[in-house]
């Protein structure tokens, strides 16, 4: 939870719209960037 101990770029998870290469899009997805691994991670609440 401590931001300076976490590799996550955003201090708070961002609600975003994701646009796929196929042209499809998905709204209201909670994401963050793992700045150490360069990975996009999501918390779907599922």
ModelCIF file with pLDDT and N, C-alpha, C, O atoms, coordinates in Angstrom:
data_MODEL
#
_entry.id   MODEL 
#
_entity.id                         1 
_entity.type                       polymer 
_entity.pdbx_number_of_molecules   1 
#
_entity_poly.entity_id                      1 
_entity_poly.type                           'polypeptide(L)' 
_entity_poly.nstd_linkage                   no 
_entity_poly.nstd_monomer                   no 
_entity_poly.pdbx_seq_one_letter_code       
;(UNK)(UNK)(UNK)(UNK)(UNK)(UNK)(UNK)(UNK)(UNK)(UNK)(UNK)(UNK)(UNK)(UNK)(UNK)(UNK)
(UNK)(UNK)(UNK)(UNK)(UNK)(UNK)(UNK)(UNK)(UNK)(UNK)(UNK)(UNK)(UNK)(UNK)(UNK)(UNK)
(UNK)(UNK)(UNK)(UNK)(UNK)(UNK)(UNK)(UNK)(UNK)(UNK)(UNK)(UNK)(UNK)(UNK)
;
_entity_poly.pdbx_seq_one_letter_code_can   XXXXXXXXXXXXXXXXXXXXXXXXXXXXXXXXXXXXXXXXXXXXXX 
_entity_poly.pdbx_strand_id                 A 
#
loop_
_entity_poly_seq.entity_id 
_entity_poly_seq.num 
_entity_poly_seq.mon_id 
_entity_poly_seq.hetero 
1 1  UNK n 
1 2  UNK n 
1 3  UNK n 
1 4  UNK n 
1 5  UNK n 
1 6  UNK n 
1 7  UNK n 
1 8  UNK n 
1 9  UNK n 
1 10 UNK n 
1 11 UNK n 
1 12 UNK n 
1 13 UNK n 
1 14 UNK n 
1 15 UNK n 
1 16 UNK n 
1 17 UNK n 
1 18 UNK n 
1 19 UNK n 
1 20 UNK n 
1 21 UNK n 
1 22 UNK n 
1 23 UNK n 
1 24 UNK n 
1 25 UNK n 
1 26 UNK n 
1 27 UNK n 
1 28 UNK n 
1 29 UNK n 
1 30 UNK n 
1 31 UNK n 
1 32 UNK n 
1 33 UNK n 
1 34 UNK n 
1 35 UNK n 
1 36 UNK n 
1 37 UNK n 
1 38 UNK n 
1 39 UNK n 
1 40 UNK n 
1 41 UNK n 
1 42 UNK n 
1 43 UNK n 
1 44 UNK n 
1 45 UNK n 
1 46 UNK n 
#
_struct_asym.id          A 
_struct_asym.entity_id   1 
#
loop_
_ma_qa_metric.id 
_ma_qa_metric.mode 
_ma_qa_metric.name 
_ma_qa_metric.software_group_id 
_ma_qa_metric.type 
1 global pLDDT . pLDDT 
2 local  pLDDT . pLDDT 
#
_ma_qa_metric_global.metric_id      1 
_ma_qa_metric_global.metric_value   87.83 
_ma_qa_metric_global.model_id       1 
_ma_qa_metric_global.ordinal_id     1 
#
loop_
_ma_qa_metric_local.label_asym_id 
_ma_qa_metric_local.label_comp_id 
_ma_qa_metric_local.label_seq_id 
_ma_qa_metric_local.metric_id 
_ma_qa_metric_local.metric_value 
_ma_qa_metric_local.model_id 
_ma_qa_metric_local.ordinal_id 
A UNK 1  2 80.00 1 1  
A UNK 2  2 83.00 1 2  
A UNK 3  2 83.00 1 3  
A UNK 4  2 81.00 1 4  
A UNK 5  2 84.00 1 5  
A UNK 6  2 88.00 1 6  
A UNK 7  2 90.00 1 7  
A UNK 8  2 92.00 1 8  
A UNK 9  2 94.00 1 9  
A UNK 10 2 93.00 1 10 
A UNK 11 2 91.00 1 11 
A UNK 12 2 91.00 1 12 
A UNK 13 2 92.00 1 13 
A UNK 14 2 93.00 1 14 
A UNK 15 2 93.00 1 15 
A UNK 16 2 95.00 1 16 
A UNK 17 2 94.00 1 17 
A UNK 18 2 93.00 1 18 
A UNK 19 2 93.00 1 19 
A UNK 20 2 90.00 1 20 
A UNK 21 2 89.00 1 21 
A UNK 22 2 86.00 1 22 
A UNK 23 2 89.00 1 23 
A UNK 24 2 86.00 1 24 
A UNK 25 2 88.00 1 25 
A UNK 26 2 87.00 1 26 
A UNK 27 2 87.00 1 27 
A UNK 28 2 87.00 1 28 
A UNK 29 2 89.00 1 29 
A UNK 30 2 91.00 1 30 
A UNK 31 2 93.00 1 31 
A UNK 32 2 93.00 1 32 
A UNK 33 2 94.00 1 33 
A UNK 34 2 91.00 1 34 
A UNK 35 2 89.00 1 35 
A UNK 36 2 85.00 1 36 
A UNK 37 2 83.00 1 37 
A UNK 38 2 86.00 1 38 
A UNK 39 2 87.00 1 39 
A UNK 40 2 90.00 1 40 
A UNK 41 2 90.00 1 41 
A UNK 42 2 89.00 1 42 
A UNK 43 2 85.00 1 43 
A UNK 44 2 77.00 1 44 
A UNK 45 2 72.00 1 45 
A UNK 46 2 64.00 1 46 
#
loop_
_atom_site.group_PDB 
_atom_site.id 
_atom_site.type_symbol 
_atom_site.label_atom_id 
_atom_site.label_alt_id 
_atom_site.label_comp_id 
_atom_site.label_asym_id 
_atom_site.label_entity_id 
_atom_site.label_seq_id 
_atom_site.pdbx_PDB_ins_code 
_atom_site.Cartn_x 
_atom_site.Cartn_y 
_atom_site.Cartn_z 
_atom_site.occupancy 
_atom_site.B_iso_or_equiv 
_atom_site.pdbx_formal_charge 
_atom_site.auth_seq_id 
_atom_site.auth_comp_id 
_atom_site.auth_asym_id 
_atom_site.auth_atom_id 
_atom_site.pdbx_PDB_model_num 
ATOM 1   N N  . UNK A 1 1  ? 0.813   -1.206  0.000   1.00 80.00 ? 1  UNK A N  1 
ATOM 2   C CA . UNK A 1 1  ? 0.000   0.000   0.000   1.00 80.00 ? 1  UNK A CA 1 
ATOM 3   C C  . UNK A 1 1  ? 0.853   1.265   0.000   1.00 80.00 ? 1  UNK A C  1 
ATOM 4   O O  . UNK A 1 1  ? 0.448   2.276   -0.574  1.00 80.00 ? 1  UNK A O  1 
ATOM 5   N N  . UNK A 1 2  ? 2.035   1.228   0.638   1.00 83.00 ? 2  UNK A N  1 
ATOM 6   C CA . UNK A 1 2  ? 2.915   2.402   0.646   1.00 83.00 ? 2  UNK A CA 1 
ATOM 7   C C  . UNK A 1 2  ? 3.453   2.618   -0.752  1.00 83.00 ? 2  UNK A C  1 
ATOM 8   O O  . UNK A 1 2  ? 4.112   1.740   -1.310  1.00 83.00 ? 2  UNK A O  1 
ATOM 9   N N  . UNK A 1 3  ? 3.175   3.792   -1.330  1.00 83.00 ? 3  UNK A N  1 
ATOM 10  C CA . UNK A 1 3  ? 3.474   4.021   -2.744  1.00 83.00 ? 3  UNK A CA 1 
ATOM 11  C C  . UNK A 1 3  ? 4.977   3.931   -3.037  1.00 83.00 ? 3  UNK A C  1 
ATOM 12  O O  . UNK A 1 3  ? 5.371   3.446   -4.098  1.00 83.00 ? 3  UNK A O  1 
ATOM 13  N N  . UNK A 1 4  ? 5.810   4.392   -2.108  1.00 81.00 ? 4  UNK A N  1 
ATOM 14  C CA . UNK A 1 4  ? 7.255   4.359   -2.375  1.00 81.00 ? 4  UNK A CA 1 
ATOM 15  C C  . UNK A 1 4  ? 7.846   2.960   -2.222  1.00 81.00 ? 4  UNK A C  1 
ATOM 16  O O  . UNK A 1 4  ? 9.026   2.742   -2.497  1.00 81.00 ? 4  UNK A O  1 
ATOM 17  N N  . UNK A 1 5  ? 6.999   1.996   -1.771  1.00 84.00 ? 5  UNK A N  1 
ATOM 18  C CA . UNK A 1 5  ? 7.442   0.601   -1.689  1.00 84.00 ? 5  UNK A CA 1 
ATOM 19  C C  . UNK A 1 5  ? 6.825   -0.251  -2.791  1.00 84.00 ? 5  UNK A C  1 
ATOM 20  O O  . UNK A 1 5  ? 7.015   -1.466  -2.835  1.00 84.00 ? 5  UNK A O  1 
ATOM 21  N N  . UNK A 1 6  ? 6.088   0.402   -3.673  1.00 88.00 ? 6  UNK A N  1 
ATOM 22  C CA . UNK A 1 6  ? 5.371   -0.314  -4.732  1.00 88.00 ? 6  UNK A CA 1 
ATOM 23  C C  . UNK A 1 6  ? 5.889   0.094   -6.100  1.00 88.00 ? 6  UNK A C  1 
ATOM 24  O O  . UNK A 1 6  ? 6.237   1.257   -6.304  1.00 88.00 ? 6  UNK A O  1 
ATOM 25  N N  . UNK A 1 7  ? 5.947   -0.849  -7.050  1.00 90.00 ? 7  UNK A N  1 
ATOM 26  C CA . UNK A 1 7  ? 6.379   -0.506  -8.409  1.00 90.00 ? 7  UNK A CA 1 
ATOM 27  C C  . UNK A 1 7  ? 5.273   0.144   -9.244  1.00 90.00 ? 7  UNK A C  1 
ATOM 28  O O  . UNK A 1 7  ? 5.507   0.514   -10.394 1.00 90.00 ? 7  UNK A O  1 
ATOM 29  N N  . UNK A 1 8  ? 4.063   0.287   -8.673  1.00 92.00 ? 8  UNK A N  1 
ATOM 30  C CA . UNK A 1 8  ? 2.965   0.862   -9.445  1.00 92.00 ? 8  UNK A CA 1 
ATOM 31  C C  . UNK A 1 8  ? 3.192   2.342   -9.705  1.00 92.00 ? 8  UNK A C  1 
ATOM 32  O O  . UNK A 1 8  ? 3.562   3.095   -8.804  1.00 92.00 ? 8  UNK A O  1 
ATOM 33  N N  . UNK A 1 9  ? 2.965   2.751   -10.958 1.00 94.00 ? 9  UNK A N  1 
ATOM 34  C CA . UNK A 1 9  ? 3.205   4.132   -11.372 1.00 94.00 ? 9  UNK A CA 1 
ATOM 35  C C  . UNK A 1 9  ? 2.160   5.080   -10.793 1.00 94.00 ? 9  UNK A C  1 
ATOM 36  O O  . UNK A 1 9  ? 2.506   6.146   -10.284 1.00 94.00 ? 9  UNK A O  1 
ATOM 37  N N  . UNK A 1 10 ? 0.883   4.701   -10.865 1.00 93.00 ? 10 UNK A N  1 
ATOM 38  C CA . UNK A 1 10 ? -0.185  5.561   -10.367 1.00 93.00 ? 10 UNK A CA 1 
ATOM 39  C C  . UNK A 1 10 ? -0.394  5.318   -8.875  1.00 93.00 ? 10 UNK A C  1 
ATOM 40  O O  . UNK A 1 10 ? -0.517  4.173   -8.439  1.00 93.00 ? 10 UNK A O  1 
ATOM 41  N N  . UNK A 1 11 ? -0.432  6.381   -8.105  1.00 91.00 ? 11 UNK A N  1 
ATOM 42  C CA . UNK A 1 11 ? -0.653  6.222   -6.672  1.00 91.00 ? 11 UNK A CA 1 
ATOM 43  C C  . UNK A 1 11 ? -2.025  5.617   -6.404  1.00 91.00 ? 11 UNK A C  1 
ATOM 44  O O  . UNK A 1 11 ? -2.188  4.803   -5.495  1.00 91.00 ? 11 UNK A O  1 
ATOM 45  N N  . UNK A 1 12 ? -3.011  6.024   -7.207  1.00 91.00 ? 12 UNK A N  1 
ATOM 46  C CA . UNK A 1 12 ? -4.352  5.432   -7.150  1.00 91.00 ? 12 UNK A CA 1 
ATOM 47  C C  . UNK A 1 12 ? -4.654  4.781   -8.493  1.00 91.00 ? 12 UNK A C  1 
ATOM 48  O O  . UNK A 1 12 ? -4.315  5.327   -9.543  1.00 91.00 ? 12 UNK A O  1 
ATOM 49  N N  . UNK A 1 13 ? -5.291  3.612   -8.458  1.00 92.00 ? 13 UNK A N  1 
ATOM 50  C CA . UNK A 1 13 ? -5.623  2.926   -9.704  1.00 92.00 ? 13 UNK A CA 1 
ATOM 51  C C  . UNK A 1 13 ? -6.512  3.825   -10.562 1.00 92.00 ? 13 UNK A C  1 
ATOM 52  O O  . UNK A 1 13 ? -7.390  4.516   -10.046 1.00 92.00 ? 13 UNK A O  1 
ATOM 53  N N  . UNK A 1 14 ? -6.279  3.810   -11.872 1.00 93.00 ? 14 UNK A N  1 
ATOM 54  C CA . UNK A 1 14 ? -7.013  4.675   -12.801 1.00 93.00 ? 14 UNK A CA 1 
ATOM 55  C C  . UNK A 1 14 ? -8.154  3.900   -13.472 1.00 93.00 ? 14 UNK A C  1 
ATOM 56  O O  . UNK A 1 14 ? -7.987  2.760   -13.904 1.00 93.00 ? 14 UNK A O  1 
ATOM 57  N N  . UNK A 1 15 ? -9.312  4.556   -13.542 1.00 93.00 ? 15 UNK A N  1 
ATOM 58  C CA . UNK A 1 15 ? -10.420 3.998   -14.314 1.00 93.00 ? 15 UNK A CA 1 
ATOM 59  C C  . UNK A 1 15 ? -10.268 4.479   -15.747 1.00 93.00 ? 15 UNK A C  1 
ATOM 60  O O  . UNK A 1 15 ? -10.234 5.683   -15.999 1.00 93.00 ? 15 UNK A O  1 
ATOM 61  N N  . UNK A 1 16 ? -10.175 3.548   -16.687 1.00 95.00 ? 16 UNK A N  1 
ATOM 62  C CA . UNK A 1 16 ? -9.828  3.913   -18.063 1.00 95.00 ? 16 UNK A CA 1 
ATOM 63  C C  . UNK A 1 16 ? -10.743 3.233   -19.077 1.00 95.00 ? 16 UNK A C  1 
ATOM 64  O O  . UNK A 1 16 ? -11.481 2.298   -18.766 1.00 95.00 ? 16 UNK A O  1 
ATOM 65  N N  . UNK A 1 17 ? -10.660 3.742   -20.288 1.00 94.00 ? 17 UNK A N  1 
ATOM 66  C CA . UNK A 1 17 ? -11.250 3.073   -21.442 1.00 94.00 ? 17 UNK A CA 1 
ATOM 67  C C  . UNK A 1 17 ? -10.099 2.444   -22.215 1.00 94.00 ? 17 UNK A C  1 
ATOM 68  O O  . UNK A 1 17 ? -9.148  3.130   -22.587 1.00 94.00 ? 17 UNK A O  1 
ATOM 69  N N  . UNK A 1 18 ? -10.184 1.144   -22.456 1.00 93.00 ? 18 UNK A N  1 
ATOM 70  C CA . UNK A 1 18 ? -9.132  0.425   -23.173 1.00 93.00 ? 18 UNK A CA 1 
ATOM 71  C C  . UNK A 1 18 ? -9.547  0.227   -24.627 1.00 93.00 ? 18 UNK A C  1 
ATOM 72  O O  . UNK A 1 18 ? -10.637 -0.269  -24.910 1.00 93.00 ? 18 UNK A O  1 
ATOM 73  N N  . UNK A 1 19 ? -8.675  0.618   -25.536 1.00 93.00 ? 19 UNK A N  1 
ATOM 74  C CA . UNK A 1 19 ? -8.920  0.461   -26.970 1.00 93.00 ? 19 UNK A CA 1 
ATOM 75  C C  . UNK A 1 19 ? -8.008  -0.634  -27.523 1.00 93.00 ? 19 UNK A C  1 
ATOM 76  O O  . UNK A 1 19 ? -6.784  -0.549  -27.417 1.00 93.00 ? 19 UNK A O  1 
ATOM 77  N N  . UNK A 1 20 ? -8.609  -1.646  -28.104 1.00 90.00 ? 20 UNK A N  1 
ATOM 78  C CA . UNK A 1 20 ? -7.841  -2.759  -28.655 1.00 90.00 ? 20 UNK A CA 1 
ATOM 79  C C  . UNK A 1 20 ? -7.402  -2.476  -30.090 1.00 90.00 ? 20 UNK A C  1 
ATOM 80  O O  . UNK A 1 20 ? -7.968  -1.617  -30.765 1.00 90.00 ? 20 UNK A O  1 
ATOM 81  N N  . UNK A 1 21 ? -6.393  -3.203  -30.541 1.00 89.00 ? 21 UNK A N  1 
ATOM 82  C CA . UNK A 1 21 ? -5.922  -3.083  -31.924 1.00 89.00 ? 21 UNK A CA 1 
ATOM 83  C C  . UNK A 1 21 ? -7.035  -3.439  -32.909 1.00 89.00 ? 21 UNK A C  1 
ATOM 84  O O  . UNK A 1 21 ? -7.045  -2.953  -34.040 1.00 89.00 ? 21 UNK A O  1 
ATOM 85  N N  . UNK A 1 22 ? -7.957  -4.276  -32.486 1.00 86.00 ? 22 UNK A N  1 
ATOM 86  C CA . UNK A 1 22 ? -9.055  -4.737  -33.359 1.00 86.00 ? 22 UNK A CA 1 
ATOM 87  C C  . UNK A 1 22 ? -10.127 -3.676  -33.577 1.00 86.00 ? 22 UNK A C  1 
ATOM 88  O O  . UNK A 1 22 ? -10.993 -3.826  -34.439 1.00 86.00 ? 22 UNK A O  1 
ATOM 89  N N  . UNK A 1 23 ? -10.064 -2.588  -32.782 1.00 89.00 ? 23 UNK A N  1 
ATOM 90  C CA . UNK A 1 23 ? -11.087 -1.554  -32.880 1.00 89.00 ? 23 UNK A CA 1 
ATOM 91  C C  . UNK A 1 23 ? -12.114 -1.647  -31.757 1.00 89.00 ? 23 UNK A C  1 
ATOM 92  O O  . UNK A 1 23 ? -12.875 -0.705  -31.537 1.00 89.00 ? 23 UNK A O  1 
ATOM 93  N N  . UNK A 1 24 ? -12.145 -2.770  -31.045 1.00 86.00 ? 24 UNK A N  1 
ATOM 94  C CA . UNK A 1 24 ? -13.050 -2.902  -29.896 1.00 86.00 ? 24 UNK A CA 1 
ATOM 95  C C  . UNK A 1 24 ? -12.551 -2.037  -28.749 1.00 86.00 ? 24 UNK A C  1 
ATOM 96  O O  . UNK A 1 24 ? -11.366 -1.714  -28.673 1.00 86.00 ? 24 UNK A O  1 
ATOM 97  N N  . UNK A 1 25 ? -13.470 -1.660  -27.850 1.00 88.00 ? 25 UNK A N  1 
ATOM 98  C CA . UNK A 1 25 ? -13.073 -0.904  -26.669 1.00 88.00 ? 25 UNK A CA 1 
ATOM 99  C C  . UNK A 1 25 ? -13.874 -1.362  -25.469 1.00 88.00 ? 25 UNK A C  1 
ATOM 100 O O  . UNK A 1 25 ? -14.983 -1.879  -25.605 1.00 88.00 ? 25 UNK A O  1 
ATOM 101 N N  . UNK A 1 26 ? -13.300 -1.167  -24.286 1.00 87.00 ? 26 UNK A N  1 
ATOM 102 C CA . UNK A 1 26 ? -13.939 -1.556  -23.034 1.00 87.00 ? 26 UNK A CA 1 
ATOM 103 C C  . UNK A 1 26 ? -13.849 -0.393  -22.059 1.00 87.00 ? 26 UNK A C  1 
ATOM 104 O O  . UNK A 1 26 ? -12.775 0.171   -21.850 1.00 87.00 ? 26 UNK A O  1 
ATOM 105 N N  . UNK A 1 27 ? -14.992 -0.036  -21.460 1.00 87.00 ? 27 UNK A N  1 
ATOM 106 C CA . UNK A 1 27 ? -15.063 1.105   -20.549 1.00 87.00 ? 27 UNK A CA 1 
ATOM 107 C C  . UNK A 1 27 ? -14.889 0.692   -19.095 1.00 87.00 ? 27 UNK A C  1 
ATOM 108 O O  . UNK A 1 27 ? -15.099 -0.459  -18.713 1.00 87.00 ? 27 UNK A O  1 
ATOM 109 N N  . UNK A 1 28 ? -14.492 1.694   -18.293 1.00 87.00 ? 28 UNK A N  1 
ATOM 110 C CA . UNK A 1 28 ? -14.490 1.569   -16.828 1.00 87.00 ? 28 UNK A CA 1 
ATOM 111 C C  . UNK A 1 28 ? -13.683 0.379   -16.325 1.00 87.00 ? 28 UNK A C  1 
ATOM 112 O O  . UNK A 1 28 ? -14.158 -0.403  -15.501 1.00 87.00 ? 28 UNK A O  1 
ATOM 113 N N  . UNK A 1 29 ? -12.458 0.252   -16.830 1.00 89.00 ? 29 UNK A N  1 
ATOM 114 C CA . UNK A 1 29 ? -11.536 -0.790  -16.368 1.00 89.00 ? 29 UNK A CA 1 
ATOM 115 C C  . UNK A 1 29 ? -10.519 -0.138  -15.430 1.00 89.00 ? 29 UNK A C  1 
ATOM 116 O O  . UNK A 1 29 ? -9.929  0.886   -15.774 1.00 89.00 ? 29 UNK A O  1 
ATOM 117 N N  . UNK A 1 30 ? -10.312 -0.719  -14.257 1.00 91.00 ? 30 UNK A N  1 
ATOM 118 C CA . UNK A 1 30 ? -9.373  -0.183  -13.272 1.00 91.00 ? 30 UNK A CA 1 
ATOM 119 C C  . UNK A 1 30 ? -7.971  -0.744  -13.543 1.00 91.00 ? 30 UNK A C  1 
ATOM 120 O O  . UNK A 1 30 ? -7.753  -1.951  -13.434 1.00 91.00 ? 30 UNK A O  1 
ATOM 121 N N  . UNK A 1 31 ? -7.019  0.137   -13.896 1.00 93.00 ? 31 UNK A N  1 
ATOM 122 C CA . UNK A 1 31 ? -5.684  -0.326  -14.283 1.00 93.00 ? 31 UNK A CA 1 
ATOM 123 C C  . UNK A 1 31 ? -4.590  0.453   -13.552 1.00 93.00 ? 31 UNK A C  1 
ATOM 124 O O  . UNK A 1 31 ? -4.819  1.505   -12.955 1.00 93.00 ? 31 UNK A O  1 
ATOM 125 N N  . UNK A 1 32 ? -3.406  -0.117  -13.633 1.00 93.00 ? 32 UNK A N  1 
ATOM 126 C CA . UNK A 1 32 ? -2.194  0.555   -13.174 1.00 93.00 ? 32 UNK A CA 1 
ATOM 127 C C  . UNK A 1 32 ? -1.039  0.026   -14.009 1.00 93.00 ? 32 UNK A C  1 
ATOM 128 O O  . UNK A 1 32 ? -1.162  -1.007  -14.668 1.00 93.00 ? 32 UNK A O  1 
ATOM 129 N N  . UNK A 1 33 ? 0.075   0.733   -13.981 1.00 94.00 ? 33 UNK A N  1 
ATOM 130 C CA . UNK A 1 33 ? 1.265   0.298   -14.704 1.00 94.00 ? 33 UNK A CA 1 
ATOM 131 C C  . UNK A 1 33 ? 2.294   -0.172  -13.696 1.00 94.00 ? 33 UNK A C  1 
ATOM 132 O O  . UNK A 1 33 ? 2.651   0.563   -12.775 1.00 94.00 ? 33 UNK A O  1 
ATOM 133 N N  . UNK A 1 34 ? 2.770   -1.394  -13.867 1.00 91.00 ? 34 UNK A N  1 
ATOM 134 C CA . UNK A 1 34 ? 3.888   -1.873  -13.071 1.00 91.00 ? 34 UNK A CA 1 
ATOM 135 C C  . UNK A 1 34 ? 5.147   -1.288  -13.710 1.00 91.00 ? 34 UNK A C  1 
ATOM 136 O O  . UNK A 1 34 ? 5.617   -1.773  -14.739 1.00 91.00 ? 34 UNK A O  1 
ATOM 137 N N  . UNK A 1 35 ? 5.681   -0.246  -13.089 1.00 89.00 ? 35 UNK A N  1 
ATOM 138 C CA . UNK A 1 35 ? 6.787   0.510   -13.692 1.00 89.00 ? 35 UNK A CA 1 
ATOM 139 C C  . UNK A 1 35 ? 8.113   -0.200  -13.665 1.00 89.00 ? 35 UNK A C  1 
ATOM 140 O O  . UNK A 1 35 ? 9.050   0.224   -14.342 1.00 89.00 ? 35 UNK A O  1 
ATOM 141 N N  . UNK A 1 36 ? 8.223   -1.277  -12.897 1.00 85.00 ? 36 UNK A N  1 
ATOM 142 C CA . UNK A 1 36 ? 9.464   -2.047  -12.884 1.00 85.00 ? 36 UNK A CA 1 
ATOM 143 C C  . UNK A 1 36 ? 9.454   -3.096  -13.987 1.00 85.00 ? 36 UNK A C  1 
ATOM 144 O O  . UNK A 1 36 ? 10.456  -3.289  -14.675 1.00 85.00 ? 36 UNK A O  1 
ATOM 145 N N  . UNK A 1 37 ? 8.325   -3.772  -14.155 1.00 83.00 ? 37 UNK A N  1 
ATOM 146 C CA . UNK A 1 37 ? 8.222   -4.835  -15.155 1.00 83.00 ? 37 UNK A CA 1 
ATOM 147 C C  . UNK A 1 37 ? 7.710   -4.327  -16.506 1.00 83.00 ? 37 UNK A C  1 
ATOM 148 O O  . UNK A 1 37 ? 7.736   -5.053  -17.499 1.00 83.00 ? 37 UNK A O  1 
ATOM 149 N N  . UNK A 1 38 ? 7.238   -3.057  -16.534 1.00 86.00 ? 38 UNK A N  1 
ATOM 150 C CA . UNK A 1 38 ? 6.629   -2.507  -17.747 1.00 86.00 ? 38 UNK A CA 1 
ATOM 151 C C  . UNK A 1 38 ? 5.436   -3.359  -18.180 1.00 86.00 ? 38 UNK A C  1 
ATOM 152 O O  . UNK A 1 38 ? 5.341   -3.776  -19.334 1.00 86.00 ? 38 UNK A O  1 
ATOM 153 N N  . UNK A 1 39 ? 4.538   -3.608  -17.241 1.00 87.00 ? 39 UNK A N  1 
ATOM 154 C CA . UNK A 1 39 ? 3.342   -4.392  -17.508 1.00 87.00 ? 39 UNK A CA 1 
ATOM 155 C C  . UNK A 1 39 ? 2.114   -3.559  -17.144 1.00 87.00 ? 39 UNK A C  1 
ATOM 156 O O  . UNK A 1 39 ? 2.144   -2.773  -16.197 1.00 87.00 ? 39 UNK A O  1 
ATOM 157 N N  . UNK A 1 40 ? 1.038   -3.742  -17.906 1.00 90.00 ? 40 UNK A N  1 
ATOM 158 C CA . UNK A 1 40 ? -0.237  -3.124  -17.575 1.00 90.00 ? 40 UNK A CA 1 
ATOM 159 C C  . UNK A 1 40 ? -1.059  -4.151  -16.803 1.00 90.00 ? 40 UNK A C  1 
ATOM 160 O O  . UNK A 1 40 ? -1.303  -5.254  -17.292 1.00 90.00 ? 40 UNK A O  1 
ATOM 161 N N  . UNK A 1 41 ? -1.486  -3.783  -15.593 1.00 90.00 ? 41 UNK A N  1 
ATOM 162 C CA . UNK A 1 41 ? -2.238  -4.715  -14.762 1.00 90.00 ? 41 UNK A CA 1 
ATOM 163 C C  . UNK A 1 41 ? -3.615  -4.135  -14.458 1.00 90.00 ? 41 UNK A C  1 
ATOM 164 O O  . UNK A 1 41 ? -3.789  -2.919  -14.391 1.00 90.00 ? 41 UNK A O  1 
ATOM 165 N N  . UNK A 1 42 ? -4.587  -5.020  -14.275 1.00 89.00 ? 42 UNK A N  1 
ATOM 166 C CA . UNK A 1 42 ? -5.965  -4.583  -14.052 1.00 89.00 ? 42 UNK A CA 1 
ATOM 167 C C  . UNK A 1 42 ? -6.533  -5.228  -12.797 1.00 89.00 ? 42 UNK A C  1 
ATOM 168 O O  . UNK A 1 42 ? -6.183  -6.351  -12.433 1.00 89.00 ? 42 UNK A O  1 
ATOM 169 N N  . UNK A 1 43 ? -7.419  -4.484  -12.149 1.00 85.00 ? 43 UNK A N  1 
ATOM 170 C CA . UNK A 1 43 ? -8.187  -5.013  -11.020 1.00 85.00 ? 43 UNK A CA 1 
ATOM 171 C C  . UNK A 1 43 ? -9.648  -4.979  -11.455 1.00 85.00 ? 43 UNK A C  1 
ATOM 172 O O  . UNK A 1 43 ? -10.288 -3.928  -11.418 1.00 85.00 ? 43 UNK A O  1 
ATOM 173 N N  . UNK A 1 44 ? -10.171 -6.128  -11.868 1.00 77.00 ? 44 UNK A N  1 
ATOM 174 C CA . UNK A 1 44 ? -11.532 -6.197  -12.387 1.00 77.00 ? 44 UNK A CA 1 
ATOM 175 C C  . UNK A 1 44 ? -12.588 -6.266  -11.285 1.00 77.00 ? 44 UNK A C  1 
ATOM 176 O O  . UNK A 1 44 ? -13.780 -6.128  -11.558 1.00 77.00 ? 44 UNK A O  1 
ATOM 177 N N  . UNK A 1 45 ? -12.152 -6.479  -10.040 1.00 72.00 ? 45 UNK A N  1 
ATOM 178 C CA . UNK A 1 45 ? -13.134 -6.623  -8.977  1.00 72.00 ? 45 UNK A CA 1 
ATOM 179 C C  . UNK A 1 45 ? -13.831 -7.967  -9.020  1.00 72.00 ? 45 UNK A C  1 
ATOM 180 O O  . UNK A 1 45 ? -14.793 -8.195  -8.287  1.00 72.00 ? 45 UNK A O  1 
ATOM 181 N N  . UNK A 1 46 ? -13.352 -8.860  -9.877  1.00 64.00 ? 46 UNK A N  1 
ATOM 182 C CA . UNK A 1 46 ? -13.938 -10.199 -10.006 1.00 64.00 ? 46 UNK A CA 1 
ATOM 183 C C  . UNK A 1 46 ? -13.070 -11.210 -9.264  1.00 64.00 ? 46 UNK A C  1 
ATOM 184 O O  . UNK A 1 46 ? -13.385 -12.400 -9.247  1.00 64.00 ? 46 UNK A O  1 
#
